[in-house]
Amino acid sequence: MTVKTSISLTDEQHAFARALVEAGRYSSLSAVLQQGVDLLRRRAESEEAETAALRELLSRRREGEFVDANEMDARLDRTVARKRRAHGLPS
């Protein structure tokens, strides 16, 4: 279903959208705006998914083992050394 609505654009936005239509990239100003709304929806959905994933990660981290900065540095050093060896790089 399509809904007709009235919108306002700045002169710059209108000129840009019109140029896209004139260049043949879109069939109409409506098509340009529909694409823009779809892009915003996908971005919002992606941001929501990333936020949920970060919340889950933080929740799991809070429930997990506490590692102080010195131990974390030592773990990172061991991981880097192991990866360097695996790729034949000097330590």
N, C-alpha and C. Protein backbone atom coordinates (compact mmCIF):
# COMPACT_ATOMS: atom_id res chain seq x y z
N MET A 1 0.84 -1.17 0.00
CA MET A 1 0.00 0.00 0.00
C MET A 1 0.89 1.24 0.00
N THR A 2 0.47 2.24 -0.70
CA THR A 2 1.20 3.50 -0.77
C THR A 2 0.38 4.59 -0.10
N VAL A 3 1.05 5.43 0.67
CA VAL A 3 0.38 6.54 1.36
C VAL A 3 0.93 7.83 0.79
N LYS A 4 0.06 8.73 0.43
CA LYS A 4 0.50 10.04 -0.05
C LYS A 4 0.68 10.94 1.16
N THR A 5 1.76 11.72 1.13
CA THR A 5 2.02 12.64 2.22
C THR A 5 2.72 13.87 1.68
N SER A 6 2.68 14.92 2.43
CA SER A 6 3.34 16.16 2.04
C SER A 6 4.59 16.33 2.89
N ILE A 7 5.69 16.67 2.27
CA ILE A 7 6.94 16.86 3.01
C ILE A 7 7.56 18.18 2.61
N SER A 8 8.50 18.63 3.40
CA SER A 8 9.26 19.84 3.08
C SER A 8 10.73 19.47 3.00
N LEU A 9 11.39 19.97 1.97
CA LEU A 9 12.82 19.77 1.78
C LEU A 9 13.50 21.12 1.71
N THR A 10 14.75 21.14 2.12
CA THR A 10 15.53 22.36 1.91
C THR A 10 15.81 22.48 0.42
N ASP A 11 16.20 23.65 -0.02
CA ASP A 11 16.56 23.84 -1.43
C ASP A 11 17.66 22.87 -1.83
N GLU A 12 18.65 22.70 -0.96
CA GLU A 12 19.77 21.81 -1.25
C GLU A 12 19.32 20.35 -1.37
N GLN A 13 18.45 19.90 -0.45
CA GLN A 13 17.94 18.53 -0.52
C GLN A 13 17.12 18.32 -1.79
N HIS A 14 16.28 19.28 -2.13
CA HIS A 14 15.46 19.16 -3.33
C HIS A 14 16.34 19.10 -4.58
N ALA A 15 17.35 19.97 -4.63
CA ALA A 15 18.24 19.99 -5.80
C ALA A 15 18.98 18.65 -5.94
N PHE A 16 19.42 18.11 -4.83
CA PHE A 16 20.13 16.83 -4.86
C PHE A 16 19.20 15.72 -5.34
N ALA A 17 18.02 15.64 -4.76
CA ALA A 17 17.06 14.61 -5.15
C ALA A 17 16.69 14.77 -6.62
N ARG A 18 16.44 15.97 -7.06
CA ARG A 18 16.08 16.23 -8.45
C ARG A 18 17.23 15.80 -9.38
N ALA A 19 18.48 16.08 -8.98
CA ALA A 19 19.63 15.69 -9.79
C ALA A 19 19.72 14.17 -9.93
N LEU A 20 19.39 13.44 -8.87
CA LEU A 20 19.39 11.98 -8.94
C LEU A 20 18.36 11.48 -9.94
N VAL A 21 17.19 12.12 -9.95
CA VAL A 21 16.14 11.74 -10.90
C VAL A 21 16.58 12.08 -12.32
N GLU A 22 17.11 13.29 -12.51
CA GLU A 22 17.52 13.72 -13.84
C GLU A 22 18.67 12.87 -14.38
N ALA A 23 19.50 12.35 -13.49
CA ALA A 23 20.62 11.49 -13.91
C ALA A 23 20.14 10.07 -14.22
N GLY A 24 18.87 9.81 -13.98
CA GLY A 24 18.32 8.49 -14.27
C GLY A 24 18.53 7.46 -13.19
N ARG A 25 19.03 7.88 -12.04
CA ARG A 25 19.26 6.92 -10.95
C ARG A 25 17.97 6.52 -10.26
N TYR A 26 16.98 7.39 -10.29
CA TYR A 26 15.67 7.11 -9.71
C TYR A 26 14.60 7.60 -10.67
N SER A 27 13.43 6.99 -10.58
CA SER A 27 12.36 7.35 -11.51
C SER A 27 11.60 8.59 -11.09
N SER A 28 11.66 8.94 -9.81
CA SER A 28 10.90 10.10 -9.31
C SER A 28 11.48 10.57 -7.99
N LEU A 29 11.01 11.75 -7.56
CA LEU A 29 11.41 12.24 -6.23
C LEU A 29 10.90 11.30 -5.15
N SER A 30 9.72 10.74 -5.36
CA SER A 30 9.18 9.79 -4.38
C SER A 30 10.10 8.59 -4.22
N ALA A 31 10.63 8.10 -5.35
CA ALA A 31 11.54 6.95 -5.28
C ALA A 31 12.81 7.29 -4.51
N VAL A 32 13.30 8.52 -4.68
CA VAL A 32 14.49 8.95 -3.94
C VAL A 32 14.18 8.96 -2.45
N LEU A 33 13.06 9.54 -2.08
CA LEU A 33 12.70 9.65 -0.67
C LEU A 33 12.39 8.28 -0.06
N GLN A 34 11.75 7.40 -0.83
CA GLN A 34 11.49 6.04 -0.33
C GLN A 34 12.80 5.33 -0.04
N GLN A 35 13.78 5.47 -0.93
CA GLN A 35 15.09 4.85 -0.72
C GLN A 35 15.75 5.42 0.54
N GLY A 36 15.63 6.74 0.71
CA GLY A 36 16.21 7.38 1.89
C GLY A 36 15.59 6.87 3.18
N VAL A 37 14.27 6.72 3.19
CA VAL A 37 13.59 6.21 4.38
C VAL A 37 13.99 4.75 4.63
N ASP A 38 14.08 3.97 3.57
CA ASP A 38 14.52 2.57 3.73
C ASP A 38 15.93 2.49 4.30
N LEU A 39 16.83 3.36 3.82
CA LEU A 39 18.19 3.37 4.36
C LEU A 39 18.20 3.74 5.84
N LEU A 40 17.40 4.72 6.22
CA LEU A 40 17.32 5.11 7.63
C LEU A 40 16.75 3.98 8.49
N ARG A 41 15.74 3.27 7.97
CA ARG A 41 15.18 2.15 8.71
C ARG A 41 16.21 1.06 8.92
N ARG A 42 16.95 0.72 7.85
CA ARG A 42 17.98 -0.32 7.98
C ARG A 42 19.07 0.12 8.95
N ARG A 43 19.45 1.39 8.89
CA ARG A 43 20.48 1.87 9.82
C ARG A 43 19.99 1.78 11.26
N ALA A 44 18.74 2.18 11.49
CA ALA A 44 18.18 2.11 12.85
C ALA A 44 18.13 0.66 13.33
N GLU A 45 17.72 -0.26 12.45
CA GLU A 45 17.67 -1.68 12.83
C GLU A 45 19.07 -2.20 13.13
N SER A 46 20.04 -1.79 12.34
CA SER A 46 21.42 -2.23 12.56
C SER A 46 21.94 -1.69 13.89
N GLU A 47 21.66 -0.42 14.17
CA GLU A 47 22.10 0.17 15.44
C GLU A 47 21.45 -0.53 16.62
N GLU A 48 20.16 -0.87 16.48
CA GLU A 48 19.47 -1.59 17.56
C GLU A 48 20.11 -2.97 17.79
N ALA A 49 20.44 -3.65 16.71
CA ALA A 49 21.07 -4.97 16.84
C ALA A 49 22.45 -4.85 17.49
N GLU A 50 23.22 -3.84 17.09
CA GLU A 50 24.54 -3.63 17.69
C GLU A 50 24.42 -3.31 19.17
N THR A 51 23.45 -2.47 19.52
CA THR A 51 23.25 -2.12 20.92
C THR A 51 22.86 -3.35 21.74
N ALA A 52 21.98 -4.17 21.19
CA ALA A 52 21.59 -5.39 21.90
C ALA A 52 22.78 -6.31 22.08
N ALA A 53 23.62 -6.44 21.05
CA ALA A 53 24.80 -7.30 21.14
C ALA A 53 25.78 -6.76 22.19
N LEU A 54 25.96 -5.45 22.22
CA LEU A 54 26.86 -4.86 23.23
C LEU A 54 26.31 -5.06 24.64
N ARG A 55 24.99 -4.90 24.79
CA ARG A 55 24.39 -5.12 26.11
C ARG A 55 24.61 -6.56 26.56
N GLU A 56 24.43 -7.50 25.63
CA GLU A 56 24.64 -8.92 25.95
C GLU A 56 26.10 -9.17 26.34
N LEU A 57 27.02 -8.59 25.58
CA LEU A 57 28.44 -8.75 25.88
C LEU A 57 28.77 -8.18 27.25
N LEU A 58 28.27 -6.98 27.54
CA LEU A 58 28.53 -6.37 28.85
C LEU A 58 27.92 -7.20 29.97
N SER A 59 26.75 -7.73 29.74
CA SER A 59 26.11 -8.57 30.76
C SER A 59 26.95 -9.80 31.04
N ARG A 60 27.41 -10.46 29.98
CA ARG A 60 28.26 -11.65 30.16
C ARG A 60 29.57 -11.30 30.83
N ARG A 61 30.13 -10.13 30.48
CA ARG A 61 31.39 -9.71 31.10
C ARG A 61 31.21 -9.45 32.59
N ARG A 62 30.08 -8.83 32.96
CA ARG A 62 29.83 -8.55 34.38
C ARG A 62 29.71 -9.84 35.18
N GLU A 63 29.17 -10.88 34.56
CA GLU A 63 28.98 -12.14 35.25
C GLU A 63 30.23 -13.01 35.24
N GLY A 64 31.21 -12.67 34.42
CA GLY A 64 32.39 -13.50 34.26
C GLY A 64 33.50 -13.15 35.24
N GLU A 65 34.62 -13.78 35.01
CA GLU A 65 35.80 -13.62 35.85
C GLU A 65 36.38 -12.21 35.68
N PHE A 66 36.79 -11.61 36.80
CA PHE A 66 37.46 -10.30 36.75
C PHE A 66 38.94 -10.52 36.49
N VAL A 67 39.46 -9.80 35.53
CA VAL A 67 40.89 -9.88 35.20
C VAL A 67 41.47 -8.48 35.35
N ASP A 68 42.50 -8.34 36.21
CA ASP A 68 43.08 -7.00 36.39
C ASP A 68 43.92 -6.63 35.17
N ALA A 69 44.32 -5.38 35.11
CA ALA A 69 45.02 -4.84 33.94
C ALA A 69 46.33 -5.57 33.68
N ASN A 70 47.07 -5.91 34.72
CA ASN A 70 48.36 -6.60 34.53
C ASN A 70 48.16 -7.98 33.92
N GLU A 71 47.16 -8.72 34.40
CA GLU A 71 46.88 -10.04 33.85
C GLU A 71 46.40 -9.93 32.42
N MET A 72 45.56 -8.93 32.12
CA MET A 72 45.09 -8.75 30.75
C MET A 72 46.25 -8.43 29.82
N ASP A 73 47.17 -7.58 30.27
CA ASP A 73 48.36 -7.27 29.45
C ASP A 73 49.17 -8.54 29.17
N ALA A 74 49.33 -9.37 30.20
CA ALA A 74 50.10 -10.61 30.03
C ALA A 74 49.37 -11.55 29.05
N ARG A 75 48.06 -11.64 29.16
CA ARG A 75 47.29 -12.49 28.23
C ARG A 75 47.43 -11.99 26.79
N LEU A 76 47.33 -10.69 26.64
CA LEU A 76 47.47 -10.11 25.30
C LEU A 76 48.86 -10.35 24.73
N ASP A 77 49.88 -10.18 25.57
CA ASP A 77 51.25 -10.44 25.11
C ASP A 77 51.42 -11.88 24.65
N ARG A 78 50.85 -12.83 25.42
CA ARG A 78 50.95 -14.24 25.04
C ARG A 78 50.19 -14.52 23.74
N THR A 79 49.04 -13.90 23.58
CA THR A 79 48.25 -14.10 22.36
C THR A 79 48.98 -13.54 21.15
N VAL A 80 49.54 -12.34 21.28
CA VAL A 80 50.27 -11.73 20.17
C VAL A 80 51.48 -12.58 19.81
N ALA A 81 52.22 -13.05 20.82
CA ALA A 81 53.40 -13.88 20.57
C ALA A 81 52.99 -15.18 19.85
N ARG A 82 51.89 -15.79 20.29
CA ARG A 82 51.42 -17.03 19.66
C ARG A 82 51.02 -16.78 18.20
N LYS A 83 50.34 -15.69 17.93
CA LYS A 83 49.94 -15.36 16.57
C LYS A 83 51.14 -15.06 15.69
N ARG A 84 52.12 -14.35 16.26
CA ARG A 84 53.33 -14.04 15.47
C ARG A 84 54.07 -15.33 15.09
N ARG A 85 54.18 -16.25 16.06
CA ARG A 85 54.83 -17.54 15.77
C ARG A 85 54.07 -18.30 14.71
N ALA A 86 52.74 -18.30 14.81
CA ALA A 86 51.91 -19.04 13.85
C ALA A 86 52.09 -18.51 12.44
N HIS A 87 52.43 -17.24 12.31
CA HIS A 87 52.60 -16.63 10.99
C HIS A 87 54.07 -16.47 10.61
N GLY A 88 54.98 -17.07 11.41
CA GLY A 88 56.39 -17.03 11.10
C GLY A 88 57.01 -15.67 11.27
N LEU A 89 56.47 -14.84 12.15
CA LEU A 89 57.01 -13.50 12.38
C LEU A 89 57.87 -13.49 13.65
N PRO A 90 58.87 -12.61 13.70
CA PRO A 90 59.69 -12.55 14.92
C PRO A 90 58.86 -12.02 16.10
N SER A 91 59.19 -12.51 17.28
CA SER A 91 58.45 -12.10 18.47
C SER A 91 58.79 -10.73 18.92
